Amino acid sequence: MKISYPLCVVVVVVAMLQVGGGQAAAQVELTATGSYISIPGGAWGIGGRIGVPLRESFDRGIRLEGAVDYFWPDCTIQECDLLAGHLDVVVQNRIGSQALGYFGAGVTYENYSLIDNGSFVDDSGWGANFVVGSRTQSQGMVRPFVEVRWILISDIRNQFTFTLGAALVMGG
């Protein structure tokens, strides 16, 4: 049975909003990102994130974060792309007056497709990922961040991503 990727994204977002509940729901972060992935030949991508605090204090906390990234590799064939979704639990800790460092782990779902001389190849799979990064903790609504993610799906598709982004904080 093949699981629909858009359905998975909808379920994750709804679950995250339900888990957030109460005061945490007022602190949802929506994020726009630009990423680079280490697949052969490399690839640039764009994406978005949503995160809600599960437990949070002034200088530390635990968050549930979902991410979707779309990459367009530099293929020598007609067309190829990679769509990745991640659901992570991250632990964050203050590292100075204006920054939070974080690390975490979670699950990844990837869909890789290509068109070559009229034939279509579609490959997808589940795996694990580990993430580490740093985000600003300024009082403004826009909070830049940088992160590195190690994705483990199969021998051929294990990869690193490097991401720069900015979170738009919705509420407190």
Protein backbone atom coordinates (compact mmCIF):
# COMPACT_ATOMS: atom_id res chain seq x y z
CA MET A 1 0.00 0.00 0.00
CA LYS A 2 1.49 3.32 -1.06
CA ILE A 3 0.93 6.21 1.35
CA SER A 4 0.00 9.56 -0.17
CA TYR A 5 2.66 12.18 0.63
CA PRO A 6 0.22 15.16 0.67
CA LEU A 7 -2.01 13.22 3.06
CA CYS A 8 0.97 12.62 5.39
CA VAL A 9 1.77 16.34 5.41
CA VAL A 10 -1.82 17.27 6.26
CA VAL A 11 -1.95 14.71 9.08
CA VAL A 12 1.37 15.94 10.53
CA VAL A 13 0.32 19.62 10.45
CA VAL A 14 -3.07 18.90 12.06
CA ALA A 15 -1.45 16.72 14.74
CA MET A 16 1.12 19.42 15.50
CA LEU A 17 -1.56 22.06 15.91
CA GLN A 18 -3.53 19.76 18.24
CA VAL A 19 -0.47 18.88 20.35
CA GLY A 20 0.37 22.56 20.70
CA GLY A 21 -2.99 23.42 22.30
CA GLY A 22 -3.53 26.33 24.70
CA GLN A 23 -0.65 28.73 25.15
CA ALA A 24 1.74 26.79 22.90
CA ALA A 25 -0.58 27.21 19.92
CA ALA A 26 -0.06 30.97 20.22
CA GLN A 27 3.67 30.38 19.62
CA VAL A 28 3.54 28.48 16.33
CA GLU A 29 6.42 29.30 13.96
CA LEU A 30 5.94 29.22 10.19
CA THR A 31 9.22 29.10 8.30
CA ALA A 32 10.52 29.73 4.78
CA THR A 33 13.82 28.06 3.92
CA GLY A 34 16.50 27.67 1.30
CA SER A 35 18.50 24.42 1.39
CA TYR A 36 21.39 22.60 -0.27
CA ILE A 37 21.44 18.78 -0.29
CA SER A 38 24.47 16.53 -0.73
CA ILE A 39 23.08 14.10 -3.32
CA PRO A 40 25.43 13.43 -6.25
CA GLY A 41 25.83 16.70 -8.12
CA GLY A 42 24.20 18.59 -5.27
CA ALA A 43 20.87 20.37 -5.40
CA TRP A 44 19.29 23.60 -4.23
CA GLY A 45 15.85 23.62 -2.72
CA ILE A 46 13.13 25.57 -1.00
CA GLY A 47 10.83 24.57 1.80
CA GLY A 48 8.73 25.42 4.77
CA ARG A 49 8.52 24.46 8.40
CA ILE A 50 6.01 24.58 11.19
CA GLY A 51 6.90 24.08 14.82
CA VAL A 52 5.13 24.11 18.17
CA PRO A 53 6.58 23.97 21.67
CA LEU A 54 5.78 20.83 23.67
CA ARG A 55 7.54 22.08 26.79
CA GLU A 56 9.25 25.44 26.92
CA SER A 57 10.86 27.80 29.41
CA PHE A 58 12.91 30.94 28.94
CA ASP A 59 16.18 29.20 28.10
CA ARG A 60 15.30 25.64 27.06
CA GLY A 61 12.52 23.54 25.67
CA ILE A 62 11.29 20.64 23.58
CA ARG A 63 9.59 21.28 20.23
CA LEU A 64 7.75 19.24 17.63
CA GLU A 65 8.73 20.42 14.15
CA GLY A 66 7.55 19.42 10.70
CA ALA A 67 9.38 20.36 7.51
CA VAL A 68 8.84 19.96 3.79
CA ASP A 69 11.67 20.58 1.30
CA TYR A 70 11.58 20.50 -2.51
CA PHE A 71 14.92 20.06 -4.35
CA TRP A 72 15.71 20.26 -8.05
CA PRO A 73 18.97 18.37 -8.72
CA ASP A 74 21.20 19.33 -11.63
CA CYS A 75 20.33 16.26 -13.73
CA THR A 76 21.89 15.23 -17.01
CA ILE A 77 18.54 13.72 -17.94
CA GLN A 78 15.31 15.42 -18.96
CA GLU A 79 13.87 16.17 -15.50
CA CYS A 80 14.24 15.09 -11.87
CA ASP A 81 13.17 16.33 -8.45
CA LEU A 82 13.17 15.34 -4.79
CA LEU A 83 10.44 16.06 -2.23
CA ALA A 84 11.28 15.41 1.44
CA GLY A 85 9.16 15.65 4.56
CA HIS A 86 10.47 15.47 8.13
CA LEU A 87 8.84 15.22 11.55
CA ASP A 88 11.26 15.83 14.42
CA VAL A 89 11.39 16.24 18.16
CA VAL A 90 14.07 18.81 18.99
CA VAL A 91 15.61 19.88 22.28
CA GLN A 92 16.73 23.49 22.44
CA ASN A 93 18.98 25.32 24.90
CA ARG A 94 20.06 28.96 25.14
CA ILE A 95 23.61 29.60 23.82
CA GLY A 96 24.08 33.29 24.57
CA SER A 97 21.75 36.20 25.03
CA GLN A 98 20.09 36.05 21.58
CA ALA A 99 20.45 32.46 20.31
CA LEU A 100 19.09 28.98 20.92
CA GLY A 101 21.00 25.89 19.86
CA TYR A 102 18.99 22.76 19.11
CA PHE A 103 19.38 19.11 18.22
CA GLY A 104 16.90 16.37 17.56
CA ALA A 105 15.82 13.35 15.59
CA GLY A 106 12.80 12.15 13.72
CA VAL A 107 11.38 10.43 10.67
CA THR A 108 11.80 11.38 7.02
CA TYR A 109 9.76 10.54 3.95
CA GLU A 110 11.31 11.18 0.52
CA ASN A 111 9.94 10.94 -2.99
CA TYR A 112 12.43 11.04 -5.85
CA SER A 113 11.15 11.16 -9.42
CA LEU A 114 12.76 11.51 -12.83
CA ILE A 115 11.83 11.54 -16.48
CA ASP A 116 14.40 10.20 -18.93
CA ASN A 117 13.63 9.74 -22.63
CA GLY A 118 9.91 9.44 -21.94
CA SER A 119 10.17 6.87 -19.13
CA PHE A 120 9.07 7.90 -15.63
CA VAL A 121 10.76 6.61 -12.45
CA ASP A 122 9.19 7.25 -9.05
CA ASP A 123 10.94 6.07 -5.88
CA SER A 124 9.95 6.81 -2.31
CA GLY A 125 10.81 5.65 1.16
CA TRP A 126 10.85 6.24 4.90
CA GLY A 127 13.95 6.80 6.99
CA ALA A 128 15.44 8.55 9.99
CA ASN A 129 17.09 11.93 10.34
CA PHE A 130 19.21 13.81 12.85
CA VAL A 131 19.25 17.61 12.99
CA VAL A 132 21.38 20.25 14.72
CA GLY A 133 21.12 24.01 14.38
CA SER A 134 20.89 27.44 15.90
CA ARG A 135 18.17 30.09 15.77
CA THR A 136 17.99 33.63 17.02
CA GLN A 137 15.74 34.30 19.97
CA SER A 138 15.14 37.99 19.38
CA GLN A 139 11.90 39.69 20.39
CA GLY A 140 10.91 40.37 16.77
CA MET A 141 8.52 38.33 14.64
CA VAL A 142 11.25 37.18 12.21
CA ARG A 143 13.90 34.83 13.61
CA PRO A 144 16.69 33.60 11.28
CA PHE A 145 18.17 30.12 11.71
CA VAL A 146 20.79 27.76 10.27
CA GLU A 147 20.76 23.96 10.49
CA VAL A 148 22.37 20.77 9.24
CA ARG A 149 20.37 17.56 8.81
CA TRP A 150 21.69 14.01 8.24
CA ILE A 151 19.13 11.82 6.46
CA LEU A 152 19.36 8.01 6.53
CA ILE A 153 17.12 6.22 4.05
CA SER A 154 19.26 3.82 2.03
CA ASP A 155 22.91 3.46 1.10
CA ILE A 156 22.43 5.43 -2.08
CA ARG A 157 20.27 8.20 -0.63
CA ASN A 158 21.98 8.98 2.70
CA GLN A 159 22.65 12.70 2.58
CA PHE A 160 23.28 15.94 4.42
CA THR A 161 21.26 19.10 4.00
CA PHE A 162 22.39 22.59 4.94
CA THR A 163 19.53 25.02 5.50
CA LEU A 164 19.23 28.77 6.05
CA GLY A 165 15.83 30.14 6.89
CA ALA A 166 13.70 32.63 8.74
CA ALA A 167 10.84 31.79 11.08
CA LEU A 168 7.78 34.00 11.33
CA VAL A 169 6.54 33.71 14.90
CA MET A 170 2.75 33.66 15.25
CA GLY A 171 2.01 35.04 18.72
CA GLY A 172 4.18 35.12 21.91
